[in-house]
Amino acid sequence: MANKEPSTTAQVGDWIETHGLPGKPSRRGQIIELLGHAQHERYRVRWDESHESIVYPADGVLVAPARKRHTPGTRDG
């Protein structure tokens, strides 16, 4: 059986949103550095409150592209 390593789709500049605990708001921050490797990735994130922390991908952590990424051979508009 082949062992496939998952690859990250997150990039520097992408946004992270974490769901808050019950009764707490979600948090939003921007990825400023990719850390680790494919099986143990994590991100340095600058939060809207202007502090930084390390985030590990988990349930409730969403990654959204900073802007539309271009695919070779396609055109906008």
N, C-alpha and C. Protein backbone atom coordinates (compact mmCIF):
# COMPACT_ATOMS: atom_id res chain seq x y z
N MET A 1 0.85 -1.18 0.00
CA MET A 1 0.00 0.00 0.00
C MET A 1 0.89 1.24 0.00
N ALA A 2 0.64 2.15 -0.92
CA ALA A 2 1.45 3.36 -1.05
C ALA A 2 1.11 4.35 0.05
N ASN A 3 2.13 5.03 0.58
CA ASN A 3 1.93 6.03 1.62
C ASN A 3 2.00 7.40 0.97
N LYS A 4 0.90 8.08 0.88
CA LYS A 4 0.86 9.41 0.28
C LYS A 4 0.96 10.45 1.37
N GLU A 5 1.90 11.40 1.21
CA GLU A 5 2.01 12.50 2.16
C GLU A 5 1.02 13.58 1.76
N PRO A 6 0.23 14.07 2.69
CA PRO A 6 -0.68 15.17 2.34
C PRO A 6 0.13 16.42 2.05
N SER A 7 -0.34 17.21 1.10
CA SER A 7 0.36 18.46 0.82
C SER A 7 -0.51 19.62 1.28
N THR A 8 0.16 20.64 1.74
CA THR A 8 -0.57 21.80 2.23
C THR A 8 -1.04 22.64 1.07
N THR A 9 -2.18 23.23 1.22
CA THR A 9 -2.66 24.18 0.22
C THR A 9 -2.52 25.59 0.75
N ALA A 10 -2.10 25.72 1.99
CA ALA A 10 -1.94 27.04 2.59
C ALA A 10 -0.66 27.68 2.05
N GLN A 11 -0.71 29.00 1.91
CA GLN A 11 0.45 29.77 1.47
C GLN A 11 0.55 31.02 2.33
N VAL A 12 1.76 31.58 2.38
CA VAL A 12 1.93 32.85 3.08
C VAL A 12 0.98 33.86 2.45
N GLY A 13 0.29 34.61 3.27
CA GLY A 13 -0.68 35.59 2.80
C GLY A 13 -2.12 35.11 2.88
N ASP A 14 -2.31 33.78 2.98
CA ASP A 14 -3.67 33.24 3.14
C ASP A 14 -4.20 33.62 4.52
N TRP A 15 -5.50 33.51 4.66
CA TRP A 15 -6.18 33.85 5.91
C TRP A 15 -6.61 32.59 6.64
N ILE A 16 -6.55 32.65 7.95
CA ILE A 16 -6.99 31.57 8.85
C ILE A 16 -8.19 32.08 9.64
N GLU A 17 -9.18 31.25 9.76
CA GLU A 17 -10.30 31.58 10.65
C GLU A 17 -10.49 30.40 11.58
N THR A 18 -10.54 30.68 12.87
CA THR A 18 -10.78 29.63 13.86
C THR A 18 -12.12 29.89 14.52
N HIS A 19 -12.88 28.81 14.68
CA HIS A 19 -14.17 28.93 15.36
C HIS A 19 -13.93 29.11 16.84
N GLY A 20 -14.65 30.02 17.45
CA GLY A 20 -14.50 30.27 18.88
C GLY A 20 -15.16 29.19 19.71
N LEU A 21 -14.82 29.17 20.96
CA LEU A 21 -15.51 28.28 21.89
C LEU A 21 -16.96 28.73 21.99
N PRO A 22 -17.86 27.88 22.47
CA PRO A 22 -19.25 28.29 22.58
C PRO A 22 -19.38 29.64 23.30
N GLY A 23 -20.08 30.56 22.67
CA GLY A 23 -20.29 31.88 23.24
C GLY A 23 -19.17 32.86 22.93
N LYS A 24 -18.12 32.41 22.24
CA LYS A 24 -16.99 33.29 21.89
C LYS A 24 -16.97 33.49 20.37
N PRO A 25 -16.52 34.66 19.91
CA PRO A 25 -16.48 34.91 18.47
C PRO A 25 -15.34 34.16 17.78
N SER A 26 -15.46 34.00 16.47
CA SER A 26 -14.38 33.43 15.67
C SER A 26 -13.21 34.41 15.65
N ARG A 27 -12.01 33.90 15.35
CA ARG A 27 -10.83 34.75 15.20
C ARG A 27 -10.34 34.65 13.77
N ARG A 28 -9.75 35.73 13.29
CA ARG A 28 -9.25 35.76 11.92
C ARG A 28 -7.82 36.31 11.94
N GLY A 29 -6.93 35.69 11.16
CA GLY A 29 -5.55 36.15 11.07
C GLY A 29 -4.96 35.76 9.73
N GLN A 30 -3.80 36.32 9.44
CA GLN A 30 -3.13 36.06 8.17
C GLN A 30 -1.88 35.23 8.40
N ILE A 31 -1.68 34.23 7.54
CA ILE A 31 -0.48 33.39 7.63
C ILE A 31 0.71 34.23 7.18
N ILE A 32 1.73 34.31 8.06
CA ILE A 32 2.93 35.07 7.71
C ILE A 32 4.15 34.17 7.54
N GLU A 33 4.01 32.87 7.94
CA GLU A 33 5.11 31.93 7.75
C GLU A 33 4.58 30.51 7.80
N LEU A 34 5.07 29.64 6.89
CA LEU A 34 4.74 28.22 6.91
C LEU A 34 5.85 27.51 7.66
N LEU A 35 5.49 26.64 8.59
CA LEU A 35 6.45 25.92 9.41
C LEU A 35 6.20 24.42 9.29
N GLY A 36 7.19 23.61 9.63
CA GLY A 36 7.02 22.17 9.64
C GLY A 36 7.10 21.56 8.26
N HIS A 37 6.52 20.39 8.11
CA HIS A 37 6.50 19.67 6.84
C HIS A 37 5.11 19.10 6.62
N ALA A 38 4.91 18.44 5.49
CA ALA A 38 3.57 18.01 5.07
C ALA A 38 2.82 17.20 6.12
N GLN A 39 3.49 16.38 6.89
CA GLN A 39 2.79 15.58 7.89
C GLN A 39 2.72 16.25 9.26
N HIS A 40 3.33 17.42 9.37
CA HIS A 40 3.33 18.12 10.66
C HIS A 40 3.39 19.63 10.41
N GLU A 41 2.50 20.10 9.55
CA GLU A 41 2.53 21.52 9.19
C GLU A 41 1.90 22.38 10.27
N ARG A 42 2.34 23.61 10.30
CA ARG A 42 1.78 24.61 11.20
C ARG A 42 2.10 25.97 10.60
N TYR A 43 1.44 26.98 11.11
CA TYR A 43 1.55 28.32 10.53
C TYR A 43 1.80 29.37 11.61
N ARG A 44 2.65 30.34 11.30
CA ARG A 44 2.75 31.53 12.14
C ARG A 44 1.70 32.49 11.61
N VAL A 45 0.82 32.93 12.50
CA VAL A 45 -0.33 33.74 12.11
C VAL A 45 -0.30 35.07 12.85
N ARG A 46 -0.55 36.15 12.11
CA ARG A 46 -0.73 37.47 12.74
C ARG A 46 -2.24 37.70 12.79
N TRP A 47 -2.75 37.75 14.01
CA TRP A 47 -4.19 37.89 14.24
C TRP A 47 -4.64 39.33 14.06
N ASP A 48 -5.95 39.51 13.86
CA ASP A 48 -6.53 40.85 13.72
C ASP A 48 -6.20 41.73 14.93
N GLU A 49 -6.01 41.11 16.11
CA GLU A 49 -5.69 41.88 17.32
C GLU A 49 -4.22 42.29 17.34
N SER A 50 -3.48 42.04 16.26
CA SER A 50 -2.08 42.43 16.07
C SER A 50 -1.07 41.64 16.89
N HIS A 51 -1.40 40.46 17.37
CA HIS A 51 -0.39 39.61 17.98
C HIS A 51 -0.21 38.38 17.10
N GLU A 52 0.87 37.63 17.34
CA GLU A 52 1.18 36.45 16.53
C GLU A 52 1.17 35.20 17.39
N SER A 53 0.86 34.08 16.75
CA SER A 53 0.96 32.79 17.42
C SER A 53 1.14 31.70 16.37
N ILE A 54 1.43 30.49 16.83
CA ILE A 54 1.58 29.33 15.96
C ILE A 54 0.26 28.57 15.97
N VAL A 55 -0.22 28.20 14.79
CA VAL A 55 -1.50 27.48 14.67
C VAL A 55 -1.25 26.15 13.97
N TYR A 56 -1.80 25.09 14.54
CA TYR A 56 -1.77 23.77 13.93
C TYR A 56 -3.11 23.52 13.26
N PRO A 57 -3.12 23.03 12.02
CA PRO A 57 -4.40 22.72 11.38
C PRO A 57 -5.19 21.71 12.21
N ALA A 58 -6.46 21.94 12.37
CA ALA A 58 -7.33 21.06 13.16
C ALA A 58 -8.77 21.34 12.78
N ASP A 59 -9.68 20.54 13.30
CA ASP A 59 -11.10 20.82 13.09
C ASP A 59 -11.40 22.22 13.61
N GLY A 60 -12.17 22.96 12.84
CA GLY A 60 -12.53 24.31 13.25
C GLY A 60 -11.54 25.37 12.80
N VAL A 61 -10.46 24.96 12.10
CA VAL A 61 -9.49 25.92 11.56
C VAL A 61 -9.64 25.90 10.04
N LEU A 62 -10.07 27.02 9.49
CA LEU A 62 -10.28 27.12 8.05
C LEU A 62 -9.20 27.98 7.43
N VAL A 63 -8.73 27.59 6.24
CA VAL A 63 -7.75 28.37 5.49
C VAL A 63 -8.44 28.90 4.24
N ALA A 64 -8.36 30.21 4.01
CA ALA A 64 -8.95 30.85 2.84
C ALA A 64 -7.85 31.55 2.06
N PRO A 65 -7.79 31.34 0.74
CA PRO A 65 -6.76 32.00 -0.06
C PRO A 65 -6.84 33.52 0.07
N ALA A 66 -5.66 34.16 0.03
CA ALA A 66 -5.59 35.62 0.13
C ALA A 66 -6.30 36.28 -1.05
N ARG A 67 -6.16 35.68 -2.20
CA ARG A 67 -6.82 36.19 -3.41
C ARG A 67 -6.94 35.00 -4.36
N LYS A 68 -7.66 35.21 -5.40
CA LYS A 68 -7.84 34.14 -6.38
C LYS A 68 -6.49 33.73 -6.95
N ARG A 69 -6.19 32.44 -6.89
CA ARG A 69 -4.94 31.93 -7.44
C ARG A 69 -5.14 31.59 -8.90
N HIS A 70 -4.17 31.90 -9.71
CA HIS A 70 -4.26 31.64 -11.14
C HIS A 70 -3.79 30.23 -11.46
N THR A 71 -4.51 29.57 -12.35
CA THR A 71 -4.14 28.26 -12.84
C THR A 71 -3.57 28.45 -14.23
N PRO A 72 -2.40 27.86 -14.52
CA PRO A 72 -1.84 28.03 -15.86
C PRO A 72 -2.85 27.64 -16.94
N GLY A 73 -2.93 28.46 -17.97
CA GLY A 73 -3.84 28.18 -19.09
C GLY A 73 -5.23 28.75 -18.91
N THR A 74 -5.49 29.46 -17.80
CA THR A 74 -6.81 30.06 -17.60
C THR A 74 -6.66 31.57 -17.58
N ARG A 75 -7.76 32.23 -17.87
CA ARG A 75 -7.75 33.70 -17.87
C ARG A 75 -8.91 34.20 -17.03
N ASP A 76 -8.70 35.32 -16.37
CA ASP A 76 -9.78 35.97 -15.62
C ASP A 76 -10.66 36.74 -16.58
N GLY A 77 -11.95 36.85 -16.21
CA GLY A 77 -12.85 37.75 -16.89
C GLY A 77 -13.35 37.29 -18.16
